[in-house]
Amino acid sequence: MRVISGSAKGRRLSTLAGEATRPTTDRVKESIFNLLMSYVSGARVLDLFAGSGALGIEALSRGAEQATFVDKSYQAIRVINRNLASCGFAEKALTYRLSWKHAIKQFQAEELQFNLVFLDPPFDFDNYVEIIESLAGNNLLAEAAVILVEHDYKFSLPSDIGVLSLIKDNRYGDIGISIYQLGNKGG
C-alpha cells in the first residue's frame, strides 16, 4: 500500500498483520479521492476505524490541514504513528486509541469539528447510522461536512441520515462507497 498523490506521493505505508483489518486498495482509494477532490484541501479530517491510517494520510498528502486518527487497536495506533512519521505528517495529526463511542465523547469534550470523515469499519459492522447520527448530534461536523462510508456493497444505507443526505453511492467490486453531506437536503 502506498500514498497515491500529493506531497507524500509514492511513500509506502505499513499495514497491520492478519485479517482483522481490510486495507482500502489503491484503486478504490484513488476513486475515493477523485470523488472527494473538492473537499480535501484545508480540511480537518477524522479517520474513524483508521487501521493503517491510509485514508487520513492520503488526505494530508493532498492538502488537508489536520487529521485525527481513531482505532481501538494498540497495534493499529503504532502503525499509524509509524506511517505519519514516515510521511512527515506527525505534526499535523492526532491519534487516539479509543472505541468510536469513547472517541465521540472525547471530541465533544474538546469541542472538535471535522470537515471530512472517513468511516471504514470492519465489513461485519452494522452501526453506520448510529455513528453518523452521533457525529451530527454531538456537533462534531463543521458546516457542509462530508462523511465517506466504506462498506460491503450488499449493505444498503439510507438516502438520508438525520441532517445528512446521500450525495454519492458507488460500487467497486465488493466494496460500496457512500458519501453523505451535512445540510445538503434536496440536492
N, C-alpha and C. Protein backbone atom coordinates (compact mmCIF):
# COMPACT_ATOMS: atom_id res chain seq x y z
N MET A 1 0.85 -1.17 0.00
CA MET A 1 0.00 0.00 0.00
C MET A 1 0.90 1.24 0.00
N ARG A 2 0.43 2.28 -0.69
CA ARG A 2 1.24 3.48 -0.83
C ARG A 2 0.35 4.71 -0.86
N VAL A 3 0.97 5.88 -0.71
CA VAL A 3 0.27 7.15 -0.89
C VAL A 3 0.19 7.40 -2.39
N ILE A 4 -1.00 7.69 -2.88
CA ILE A 4 -1.24 7.78 -4.32
C ILE A 4 -0.83 9.13 -4.92
N SER A 5 -1.09 10.22 -4.20
CA SER A 5 -0.87 11.54 -4.79
C SER A 5 -0.51 12.56 -3.71
N GLY A 6 -0.03 13.71 -4.14
CA GLY A 6 0.26 14.80 -3.22
C GLY A 6 1.69 14.83 -2.75
N SER A 7 1.92 15.50 -1.64
CA SER A 7 3.28 15.74 -1.15
C SER A 7 4.01 14.47 -0.72
N ALA A 8 3.30 13.42 -0.36
CA ALA A 8 3.94 12.16 0.04
C ALA A 8 3.74 11.07 -1.02
N LYS A 9 3.45 11.47 -2.24
CA LYS A 9 3.18 10.53 -3.33
C LYS A 9 4.26 9.46 -3.42
N GLY A 10 3.82 8.19 -3.52
CA GLY A 10 4.72 7.07 -3.68
C GLY A 10 5.25 6.48 -2.38
N ARG A 11 5.03 7.17 -1.28
CA ARG A 11 5.54 6.69 0.02
C ARG A 11 4.80 5.39 0.39
N ARG A 12 5.56 4.37 0.71
CA ARG A 12 4.98 3.09 1.13
C ARG A 12 4.47 3.21 2.56
N LEU A 13 3.31 2.59 2.82
CA LEU A 13 2.70 2.60 4.14
C LEU A 13 2.73 1.21 4.74
N SER A 14 3.03 1.13 6.01
CA SER A 14 2.97 -0.14 6.73
C SER A 14 1.50 -0.50 6.93
N THR A 15 1.23 -1.79 7.00
CA THR A 15 -0.13 -2.26 7.25
C THR A 15 -0.11 -3.17 8.47
N LEU A 16 -1.29 -3.49 8.94
CA LEU A 16 -1.43 -4.39 10.07
C LEU A 16 -1.40 -5.83 9.59
N ALA A 17 -0.73 -6.67 10.35
CA ALA A 17 -0.68 -8.09 10.01
C ALA A 17 -2.02 -8.74 10.35
N GLY A 18 -2.33 -9.81 9.65
CA GLY A 18 -3.53 -10.57 9.96
C GLY A 18 -4.74 -10.12 9.16
N GLU A 19 -5.86 -10.72 9.49
CA GLU A 19 -7.09 -10.46 8.75
C GLU A 19 -8.07 -9.59 9.51
N ALA A 20 -7.64 -9.00 10.61
CA ALA A 20 -8.54 -8.17 11.42
C ALA A 20 -8.88 -6.86 10.72
N THR A 21 -8.03 -6.41 9.82
CA THR A 21 -8.30 -5.18 9.08
C THR A 21 -8.39 -5.49 7.59
N ARG A 22 -9.03 -4.60 6.87
CA ARG A 22 -9.22 -4.73 5.44
C ARG A 22 -8.76 -3.42 4.81
N PRO A 23 -7.48 -3.34 4.42
CA PRO A 23 -6.99 -2.07 3.87
C PRO A 23 -7.72 -1.69 2.58
N THR A 24 -7.95 -0.41 2.40
CA THR A 24 -8.54 0.10 1.18
C THR A 24 -7.50 -0.02 0.08
N THR A 25 -7.86 -0.68 -1.01
CA THR A 25 -6.92 -0.89 -2.11
C THR A 25 -6.58 0.45 -2.76
N ASP A 26 -5.43 0.49 -3.43
CA ASP A 26 -5.01 1.71 -4.11
C ASP A 26 -6.04 2.15 -5.15
N ARG A 27 -6.62 1.19 -5.87
CA ARG A 27 -7.62 1.51 -6.90
C ARG A 27 -8.85 2.18 -6.30
N VAL A 28 -9.34 1.62 -5.19
CA VAL A 28 -10.51 2.20 -4.52
C VAL A 28 -10.15 3.55 -3.89
N LYS A 29 -8.96 3.63 -3.31
CA LYS A 29 -8.51 4.89 -2.69
C LYS A 29 -8.44 6.00 -3.75
N GLU A 30 -7.91 5.69 -4.91
CA GLU A 30 -7.85 6.69 -5.99
C GLU A 30 -9.26 7.14 -6.38
N SER A 31 -10.18 6.20 -6.50
CA SER A 31 -11.57 6.54 -6.83
C SER A 31 -12.21 7.40 -5.75
N ILE A 32 -11.96 7.07 -4.50
CA ILE A 32 -12.50 7.84 -3.37
C ILE A 32 -12.02 9.29 -3.46
N PHE A 33 -10.73 9.47 -3.67
CA PHE A 33 -10.20 10.83 -3.68
C PHE A 33 -10.56 11.59 -4.95
N ASN A 34 -10.87 10.91 -6.03
CA ASN A 34 -11.43 11.59 -7.19
C ASN A 34 -12.81 12.15 -6.85
N LEU A 35 -13.59 11.39 -6.09
CA LEU A 35 -14.92 11.85 -5.67
C LEU A 35 -14.84 13.00 -4.68
N LEU A 36 -13.81 12.99 -3.83
CA LEU A 36 -13.70 13.97 -2.73
C LEU A 36 -12.78 15.15 -3.03
N MET A 37 -12.28 15.25 -4.25
CA MET A 37 -11.26 16.23 -4.59
C MET A 37 -11.56 17.63 -4.04
N SER A 38 -12.78 18.08 -4.18
CA SER A 38 -13.10 19.46 -3.78
C SER A 38 -13.28 19.63 -2.28
N TYR A 39 -13.26 18.54 -1.51
CA TYR A 39 -13.48 18.61 -0.06
C TYR A 39 -12.21 18.48 0.77
N VAL A 40 -11.09 18.12 0.16
CA VAL A 40 -9.89 17.75 0.92
C VAL A 40 -9.02 18.94 1.32
N SER A 41 -8.77 19.86 0.42
CA SER A 41 -7.84 20.95 0.69
C SER A 41 -8.29 21.78 1.89
N GLY A 42 -7.41 21.88 2.88
CA GLY A 42 -7.68 22.66 4.09
C GLY A 42 -8.61 21.99 5.09
N ALA A 43 -9.02 20.75 4.84
CA ALA A 43 -9.99 20.07 5.70
C ALA A 43 -9.38 19.61 7.03
N ARG A 44 -10.24 19.54 8.02
CA ARG A 44 -9.93 18.87 9.28
C ARG A 44 -10.60 17.49 9.17
N VAL A 45 -9.77 16.46 9.14
CA VAL A 45 -10.20 15.10 8.79
C VAL A 45 -10.29 14.23 10.03
N LEU A 46 -11.32 13.39 10.08
CA LEU A 46 -11.43 12.33 11.09
C LEU A 46 -11.38 11.00 10.35
N ASP A 47 -10.41 10.16 10.69
CA ASP A 47 -10.29 8.81 10.14
C ASP A 47 -10.68 7.86 11.26
N LEU A 48 -11.94 7.45 11.27
CA LEU A 48 -12.50 6.59 12.31
C LEU A 48 -12.37 5.13 11.87
N PHE A 49 -11.96 4.25 12.77
CA PHE A 49 -11.60 2.87 12.43
C PHE A 49 -10.41 2.93 11.46
N ALA A 50 -9.38 3.66 11.84
CA ALA A 50 -8.32 4.08 10.93
C ALA A 50 -7.43 2.95 10.40
N GLY A 51 -7.29 1.85 11.12
CA GLY A 51 -6.42 0.77 10.63
C GLY A 51 -4.99 1.23 10.49
N SER A 52 -4.50 1.32 9.26
CA SER A 52 -3.13 1.80 9.00
C SER A 52 -3.07 3.32 8.87
N GLY A 53 -4.24 3.97 8.80
CA GLY A 53 -4.29 5.42 8.62
C GLY A 53 -4.20 5.85 7.18
N ALA A 54 -4.32 4.93 6.24
CA ALA A 54 -4.09 5.23 4.83
C ALA A 54 -5.00 6.33 4.28
N LEU A 55 -6.28 6.34 4.66
CA LEU A 55 -7.18 7.35 4.11
C LEU A 55 -6.86 8.75 4.66
N GLY A 56 -6.66 8.85 5.96
CA GLY A 56 -6.30 10.14 6.55
C GLY A 56 -4.96 10.65 6.05
N ILE A 57 -4.01 9.75 5.89
CA ILE A 57 -2.68 10.13 5.39
C ILE A 57 -2.78 10.59 3.94
N GLU A 58 -3.58 9.92 3.14
CA GLU A 58 -3.79 10.35 1.75
C GLU A 58 -4.39 11.76 1.74
N ALA A 59 -5.33 12.03 2.64
CA ALA A 59 -5.93 13.36 2.71
C ALA A 59 -4.88 14.41 3.09
N LEU A 60 -4.02 14.10 4.06
CA LEU A 60 -2.95 15.02 4.43
C LEU A 60 -2.02 15.28 3.24
N SER A 61 -1.68 14.23 2.52
CA SER A 61 -0.80 14.36 1.37
C SER A 61 -1.41 15.26 0.30
N ARG A 62 -2.74 15.26 0.22
CA ARG A 62 -3.45 16.05 -0.80
C ARG A 62 -3.89 17.42 -0.29
N GLY A 63 -3.42 17.83 0.90
CA GLY A 63 -3.65 19.20 1.33
C GLY A 63 -4.58 19.40 2.50
N ALA A 64 -5.03 18.33 3.16
CA ALA A 64 -5.84 18.51 4.36
C ALA A 64 -5.00 19.23 5.42
N GLU A 65 -5.64 20.05 6.22
CA GLU A 65 -4.94 20.84 7.24
C GLU A 65 -4.50 19.98 8.42
N GLN A 66 -5.36 19.08 8.84
CA GLN A 66 -5.10 18.29 10.05
C GLN A 66 -5.91 17.00 9.96
N ALA A 67 -5.40 15.92 10.57
CA ALA A 67 -6.14 14.66 10.59
C ALA A 67 -6.08 14.04 11.98
N THR A 68 -7.22 13.49 12.38
CA THR A 68 -7.35 12.79 13.66
C THR A 68 -7.66 11.34 13.34
N PHE A 69 -6.87 10.45 13.92
CA PHE A 69 -6.99 9.01 13.66
C PHE A 69 -7.48 8.31 14.91
N VAL A 70 -8.48 7.44 14.75
CA VAL A 70 -9.03 6.70 15.87
C VAL A 70 -9.07 5.22 15.52
N ASP A 71 -8.53 4.42 16.40
CA ASP A 71 -8.66 2.97 16.31
C ASP A 71 -8.54 2.42 17.72
N LYS A 72 -9.27 1.36 18.01
CA LYS A 72 -9.19 0.81 19.36
C LYS A 72 -8.02 -0.16 19.54
N SER A 73 -7.34 -0.48 18.45
CA SER A 73 -6.23 -1.42 18.49
C SER A 73 -4.91 -0.70 18.76
N TYR A 74 -4.19 -1.18 19.75
CA TYR A 74 -2.87 -0.65 20.07
C TYR A 74 -1.93 -0.81 18.87
N GLN A 75 -1.98 -1.98 18.21
CA GLN A 75 -1.12 -2.22 17.05
C GLN A 75 -1.44 -1.25 15.92
N ALA A 76 -2.71 -0.95 15.72
CA ALA A 76 -3.09 0.00 14.67
C ALA A 76 -2.52 1.38 14.96
N ILE A 77 -2.62 1.84 16.19
CA ILE A 77 -2.09 3.16 16.54
C ILE A 77 -0.58 3.21 16.33
N ARG A 78 0.12 2.13 16.65
CA ARG A 78 1.57 2.07 16.40
C ARG A 78 1.87 2.20 14.90
N VAL A 79 1.12 1.47 14.08
CA VAL A 79 1.32 1.51 12.63
C VAL A 79 0.99 2.91 12.09
N ILE A 80 -0.10 3.50 12.55
CA ILE A 80 -0.47 4.85 12.11
C ILE A 80 0.64 5.84 12.45
N ASN A 81 1.12 5.80 13.69
CA ASN A 81 2.18 6.73 14.09
C ASN A 81 3.45 6.53 13.27
N ARG A 82 3.78 5.28 12.95
CA ARG A 82 4.94 4.99 12.11
C ARG A 82 4.73 5.56 10.70
N ASN A 83 3.52 5.37 10.15
CA ASN A 83 3.23 5.89 8.81
C ASN A 83 3.24 7.42 8.78
N LEU A 84 2.69 8.04 9.82
CA LEU A 84 2.70 9.50 9.89
C LEU A 84 4.13 10.04 9.91
N ALA A 85 4.98 9.43 10.72
CA ALA A 85 6.37 9.86 10.81
C ALA A 85 7.09 9.66 9.47
N SER A 86 6.85 8.53 8.83
CA SER A 86 7.48 8.22 7.55
C SER A 86 7.11 9.23 6.46
N CYS A 87 5.87 9.72 6.53
CA CYS A 87 5.39 10.67 5.52
C CYS A 87 5.63 12.12 5.91
N GLY A 88 6.12 12.35 7.14
CA GLY A 88 6.37 13.72 7.59
C GLY A 88 5.13 14.45 8.05
N PHE A 89 4.11 13.72 8.49
CA PHE A 89 2.84 14.34 8.87
C PHE A 89 2.55 14.27 10.37
N ALA A 90 3.49 13.85 11.19
CA ALA A 90 3.24 13.68 12.63
C ALA A 90 2.73 14.97 13.27
N GLU A 91 3.24 16.12 12.84
CA GLU A 91 2.84 17.39 13.45
C GLU A 91 1.44 17.83 13.03
N LYS A 92 0.88 17.21 12.01
CA LYS A 92 -0.46 17.55 11.54
C LYS A 92 -1.51 16.55 11.99
N ALA A 93 -1.13 15.65 12.91
CA ALA A 93 -2.03 14.55 13.24
C ALA A 93 -2.17 14.33 14.74
N LEU A 94 -3.33 13.81 15.10
CA LEU A 94 -3.60 13.33 16.45
C LEU A 94 -4.04 11.88 16.33
N THR A 95 -3.58 11.03 17.24
CA THR A 95 -4.03 9.64 17.24
C THR A 95 -4.66 9.32 18.59
N TYR A 96 -5.75 8.57 18.54
CA TYR A 96 -6.48 8.16 19.74
C TYR A 96 -6.73 6.67 19.71
N ARG A 97 -6.36 5.99 20.78
CA ARG A 97 -6.67 4.57 20.91
C ARG A 97 -7.95 4.47 21.74
N LEU A 98 -9.08 4.53 21.04
CA LEU A 98 -10.40 4.55 21.67
C LEU A 98 -11.41 3.80 20.80
N SER A 99 -12.49 3.38 21.40
CA SER A 99 -13.63 2.90 20.62
C SER A 99 -14.30 4.12 19.99
N TRP A 100 -15.13 3.92 19.01
CA TRP A 100 -15.77 5.06 18.35
C TRP A 100 -16.65 5.82 19.33
N LYS A 101 -17.33 5.13 20.25
CA LYS A 101 -18.21 5.81 21.21
C LYS A 101 -17.40 6.69 22.16
N HIS A 102 -16.29 6.18 22.65
CA HIS A 102 -15.44 6.98 23.53
C HIS A 102 -14.79 8.14 22.78
N ALA A 103 -14.45 7.92 21.53
CA ALA A 103 -13.86 8.98 20.72
C ALA A 103 -14.85 10.13 20.55
N ILE A 104 -16.10 9.82 20.27
CA ILE A 104 -17.11 10.87 20.10
C ILE A 104 -17.26 11.68 21.39
N LYS A 105 -17.27 11.02 22.53
CA LYS A 105 -17.35 11.74 23.82
C LYS A 105 -16.12 12.62 24.01
N GLN A 106 -14.95 12.10 23.68
CA GLN A 106 -13.70 12.86 23.81
C GLN A 106 -13.71 14.10 22.92
N PHE A 107 -14.13 13.93 21.67
CA PHE A 107 -14.13 15.04 20.72
C PHE A 107 -15.18 16.09 21.11
N GLN A 108 -16.29 15.64 21.65
CA GLN A 108 -17.31 16.59 22.12
C GLN A 108 -16.74 17.42 23.27
N ALA A 109 -16.04 16.77 24.20
CA ALA A 109 -15.43 17.47 25.33
C ALA A 109 -14.37 18.47 24.85
N GLU A 110 -13.65 18.13 23.79
CA GLU A 110 -12.61 19.00 23.24
C GLU A 110 -13.17 20.03 22.25
N GLU A 111 -14.48 19.94 21.98
CA GLU A 111 -15.16 20.83 21.04
C GLU A 111 -14.53 20.81 19.65
N LEU A 112 -14.18 19.61 19.19
CA LEU A 112 -13.61 19.44 17.86
C LEU A 112 -14.72 19.39 16.82
N GLN A 113 -14.40 19.83 15.63
CA GLN A 113 -15.31 19.68 14.49
C GLN A 113 -14.48 19.25 13.28
N PHE A 114 -15.11 18.47 12.43
CA PHE A 114 -14.44 17.91 11.26
C PHE A 114 -15.19 18.28 9.99
N ASN A 115 -14.43 18.52 8.91
CA ASN A 115 -15.00 18.81 7.59
C ASN A 115 -15.19 17.53 6.78
N LEU A 116 -14.32 16.54 7.04
CA LEU A 116 -14.30 15.32 6.26
C LEU A 116 -14.08 14.14 7.19
N VAL A 117 -14.98 13.15 7.12
CA VAL A 117 -14.90 11.97 7.98
C VAL A 117 -14.81 10.73 7.12
N PHE A 118 -13.83 9.87 7.42
CA PHE A 118 -13.74 8.55 6.80
C PHE A 118 -14.24 7.54 7.81
N LEU A 119 -15.24 6.79 7.42
CA LEU A 119 -15.85 5.78 8.28
C LEU A 119 -15.68 4.44 7.57
N ASP A 120 -14.67 3.67 8.01
CA ASP A 120 -14.30 2.43 7.34
C ASP A 120 -14.14 1.29 8.35
N PRO A 121 -15.26 0.90 8.99
CA PRO A 121 -15.19 -0.18 9.99
C PRO A 121 -15.09 -1.55 9.30
N PRO A 122 -14.88 -2.61 10.09
CA PRO A 122 -14.91 -3.96 9.52
C PRO A 122 -16.24 -4.21 8.80
N PHE A 123 -16.22 -5.04 7.77
CA PHE A 123 -17.42 -5.28 6.97
C PHE A 123 -18.58 -5.88 7.76
N ASP A 124 -18.32 -6.56 8.89
CA ASP A 124 -19.42 -7.13 9.66
C ASP A 124 -20.09 -6.10 10.56
N PHE A 125 -19.64 -4.87 10.51
CA PHE A 125 -20.19 -3.78 11.31
C PHE A 125 -21.53 -3.34 10.74
N ASP A 126 -22.47 -2.96 11.60
CA ASP A 126 -23.77 -2.53 11.09
C ASP A 126 -24.34 -1.30 11.80
N ASN A 127 -23.51 -0.56 12.52
CA ASN A 127 -23.98 0.62 13.26
C ASN A 127 -23.63 1.93 12.56
N TYR A 128 -23.58 1.93 11.24
CA TYR A 128 -23.21 3.13 10.48
C TYR A 128 -24.12 4.30 10.84
N VAL A 129 -25.43 4.05 10.83
CA VAL A 129 -26.39 5.12 11.08
C VAL A 129 -26.19 5.70 12.48
N GLU A 130 -25.97 4.84 13.46
CA GLU A 130 -25.75 5.30 14.83
C GLU A 130 -24.52 6.21 14.92
N ILE A 131 -23.43 5.82 14.27
CA ILE A 131 -22.22 6.65 14.30
C ILE A 131 -22.47 8.00 13.63
N ILE A 132 -23.07 7.98 12.47
CA ILE A 132 -23.31 9.23 11.74
C ILE A 132 -24.23 10.15 12.53
N GLU A 133 -25.28 9.59 13.11
CA GLU A 133 -26.17 10.40 13.95
C GLU A 133 -25.43 10.95 15.17
N SER A 134 -24.52 10.16 15.76
CA SER A 134 -23.74 10.63 16.91
C SER A 134 -22.80 11.77 16.53
N LEU A 135 -22.16 11.66 15.37
CA LEU A 135 -21.27 12.72 14.91
C LEU A 135 -22.05 14.03 14.73
N ALA A 136 -23.20 13.95 14.07
CA ALA A 136 -24.02 15.14 13.83
C ALA A 136 -24.66 15.64 15.12
N GLY A 137 -25.19 14.73 15.92
CA GLY A 137 -25.91 15.11 17.14
C GLY A 137 -25.02 15.69 18.22
N ASN A 138 -23.72 15.42 18.17
CA ASN A 138 -22.79 15.94 19.16
C ASN A 138 -21.98 17.12 18.62
N ASN A 139 -22.47 17.72 17.52
CA ASN A 139 -21.88 18.93 16.95
C ASN A 139 -20.41 18.73 16.55
N LEU A 140 -20.09 17.56 16.01
CA LEU A 140 -18.72 17.28 15.60
C LEU A 140 -18.48 17.52 14.11
N LEU A 141 -19.53 17.90 13.40
CA LEU A 141 -19.41 18.14 11.97
C LEU A 141 -19.48 19.63 11.68
N ALA A 142 -18.48 20.12 10.95
CA ALA A 142 -18.47 21.52 10.52
C ALA A 142 -19.52 21.72 9.44
N GLU A 143 -19.82 22.96 9.13
CA GLU A 143 -20.79 23.29 8.09
C GLU A 143 -20.42 22.60 6.78
N ALA A 144 -21.39 21.96 6.14
CA ALA A 144 -21.22 21.27 4.85
C ALA A 144 -20.23 20.10 4.93
N ALA A 145 -20.04 19.53 6.12
CA ALA A 145 -19.13 18.39 6.30
C ALA A 145 -19.56 17.21 5.44
N VAL A 146 -18.57 16.40 5.08
CA VAL A 146 -18.80 15.22 4.26
C VAL A 146 -18.33 13.99 5.02
N ILE A 147 -19.14 12.92 4.96
CA ILE A 147 -18.78 11.64 5.57
C ILE A 147 -18.73 10.60 4.47
N LEU A 148 -17.58 9.94 4.34
CA LEU A 148 -17.44 8.84 3.39
C LEU A 148 -17.51 7.53 4.15
N VAL A 149 -18.43 6.66 3.74
CA VAL A 149 -18.62 5.37 4.37
C VAL A 149 -18.17 4.29 3.40
N GLU A 150 -17.22 3.47 3.84
CA GLU A 150 -16.80 2.31 3.04
C GLU A 150 -17.44 1.08 3.68
N HIS A 151 -18.15 0.29 2.86
CA HIS A 151 -18.93 -0.83 3.40
C HIS A 151 -19.05 -1.95 2.38
N ASP A 152 -19.53 -3.09 2.83
CA ASP A 152 -19.83 -4.19 1.93
C ASP A 152 -20.93 -3.71 0.98
N TYR A 153 -20.75 -3.92 -0.32
CA TYR A 153 -21.72 -3.41 -1.29
C TYR A 153 -23.11 -3.96 -1.07
N LYS A 154 -23.24 -5.10 -0.42
CA LYS A 154 -24.55 -5.70 -0.16
C LYS A 154 -25.32 -4.95 0.92
N PHE A 155 -24.59 -4.17 1.73
CA PHE A 155 -25.22 -3.43 2.83
C PHE A 155 -25.80 -2.14 2.28
N SER A 156 -27.09 -1.96 2.46
CA SER A 156 -27.78 -0.78 1.93
C SER A 156 -27.90 0.29 3.01
N LEU A 157 -27.46 1.48 2.69
CA LEU A 157 -27.57 2.61 3.60
C LEU A 157 -28.71 3.52 3.14
N PRO A 158 -29.37 4.21 4.08
CA PRO A 158 -30.49 5.09 3.70
C PRO A 158 -30.01 6.33 2.95
N SER A 159 -30.95 6.96 2.22
CA SER A 159 -30.59 8.16 1.45
C SER A 159 -30.42 9.38 2.35
N ASP A 160 -31.05 9.40 3.51
CA ASP A 160 -30.90 10.47 4.48
C ASP A 160 -30.63 9.87 5.85
N ILE A 161 -29.70 10.46 6.57
CA ILE A 161 -29.43 10.08 7.96
C ILE A 161 -29.46 11.38 8.76
N GLY A 162 -30.55 11.61 9.45
CA GLY A 162 -30.70 12.85 10.20
C GLY A 162 -30.58 14.04 9.27
N VAL A 163 -29.61 14.91 9.54
CA VAL A 163 -29.42 16.14 8.76
C VAL A 163 -28.45 15.95 7.59
N LEU A 164 -28.05 14.72 7.34
CA LEU A 164 -27.14 14.43 6.23
C LEU A 164 -27.87 13.72 5.11
N SER A 165 -27.47 14.03 3.88
CA SER A 165 -28.05 13.40 2.70
C SER A 165 -26.98 12.69 1.89
N LEU A 166 -27.38 11.58 1.31
CA LEU A 166 -26.50 10.81 0.42
C LEU A 166 -26.28 11.61 -0.85
N ILE A 167 -25.01 11.88 -1.19
CA ILE A 167 -24.72 12.62 -2.42
C ILE A 167 -24.03 11.75 -3.47
N LYS A 168 -23.43 10.64 -3.06
CA LYS A 168 -22.80 9.69 -4.00
C LYS A 168 -22.95 8.29 -3.42
N ASP A 169 -23.15 7.32 -4.29
CA ASP A 169 -23.24 5.92 -3.88
C ASP A 169 -22.67 5.08 -5.01
N ASN A 170 -21.43 4.60 -4.84
CA ASN A 170 -20.73 3.86 -5.89
C ASN A 170 -20.33 2.47 -5.40
N ARG A 171 -20.07 1.61 -6.36
CA ARG A 171 -19.61 0.25 -6.05
C ARG A 171 -18.32 -0.02 -6.80
N TYR A 172 -17.36 -0.65 -6.06
CA TYR A 172 -16.07 -1.06 -6.62
C TYR A 172 -15.86 -2.52 -6.22
N GLY A 173 -16.24 -3.44 -7.09
CA GLY A 173 -16.18 -4.86 -6.73
C GLY A 173 -17.12 -5.13 -5.59
N ASP A 174 -16.61 -5.67 -4.48
CA ASP A 174 -17.47 -5.97 -3.33
C ASP A 174 -17.49 -4.84 -2.30
N ILE A 175 -16.95 -3.67 -2.69
CA ILE A 175 -16.89 -2.52 -1.79
C ILE A 175 -17.91 -1.47 -2.22
N GLY A 176 -18.69 -1.01 -1.27
CA GLY A 176 -19.62 0.09 -1.50
C GLY A 176 -19.04 1.36 -0.91
N ILE A 177 -19.19 2.46 -1.60
CA ILE A 177 -18.77 3.78 -1.11
C ILE A 177 -20.01 4.66 -1.12
N SER A 178 -20.37 5.16 0.07
CA SER A 178 -21.49 6.08 0.20
C SER A 178 -20.97 7.36 0.81
N ILE A 179 -21.33 8.49 0.19
CA ILE A 179 -20.87 9.79 0.67
C ILE A 179 -22.09 10.61 1.07
N TYR A 180 -22.04 11.08 2.31
CA TYR A 180 -23.10 11.92 2.87
C TYR A 180 -22.58 13.32 3.09
N GLN A 181 -23.49 14.31 2.96
CA GLN A 181 -23.11 15.68 3.24
C GLN A 181 -24.12 16.33 4.17
N LEU A 182 -23.58 17.09 5.12
CA LEU A 182 -24.41 17.82 6.07
C LEU A 182 -25.08 19.00 5.38
N GLY A 183 -26.37 19.15 5.63
CA GLY A 183 -27.10 20.31 5.11
C GLY A 183 -27.31 20.28 3.62
N ASN A 184 -27.31 19.11 3.01
CA ASN A 184 -27.48 19.02 1.57
C ASN A 184 -28.83 18.41 1.21
N LYS A 185 -29.83 18.58 2.07
CA LYS A 185 -31.17 18.05 1.79
C LYS A 185 -31.72 18.69 0.52
N GLY A 186 -32.23 17.84 -0.33
CA GLY A 186 -32.83 18.33 -1.56
C GLY A 186 -31.83 18.69 -2.64
N GLY A 187 -30.56 18.24 -2.48
CA GLY A 187 -29.56 18.43 -3.54
C GLY A 187 -28.88 19.72 -3.37
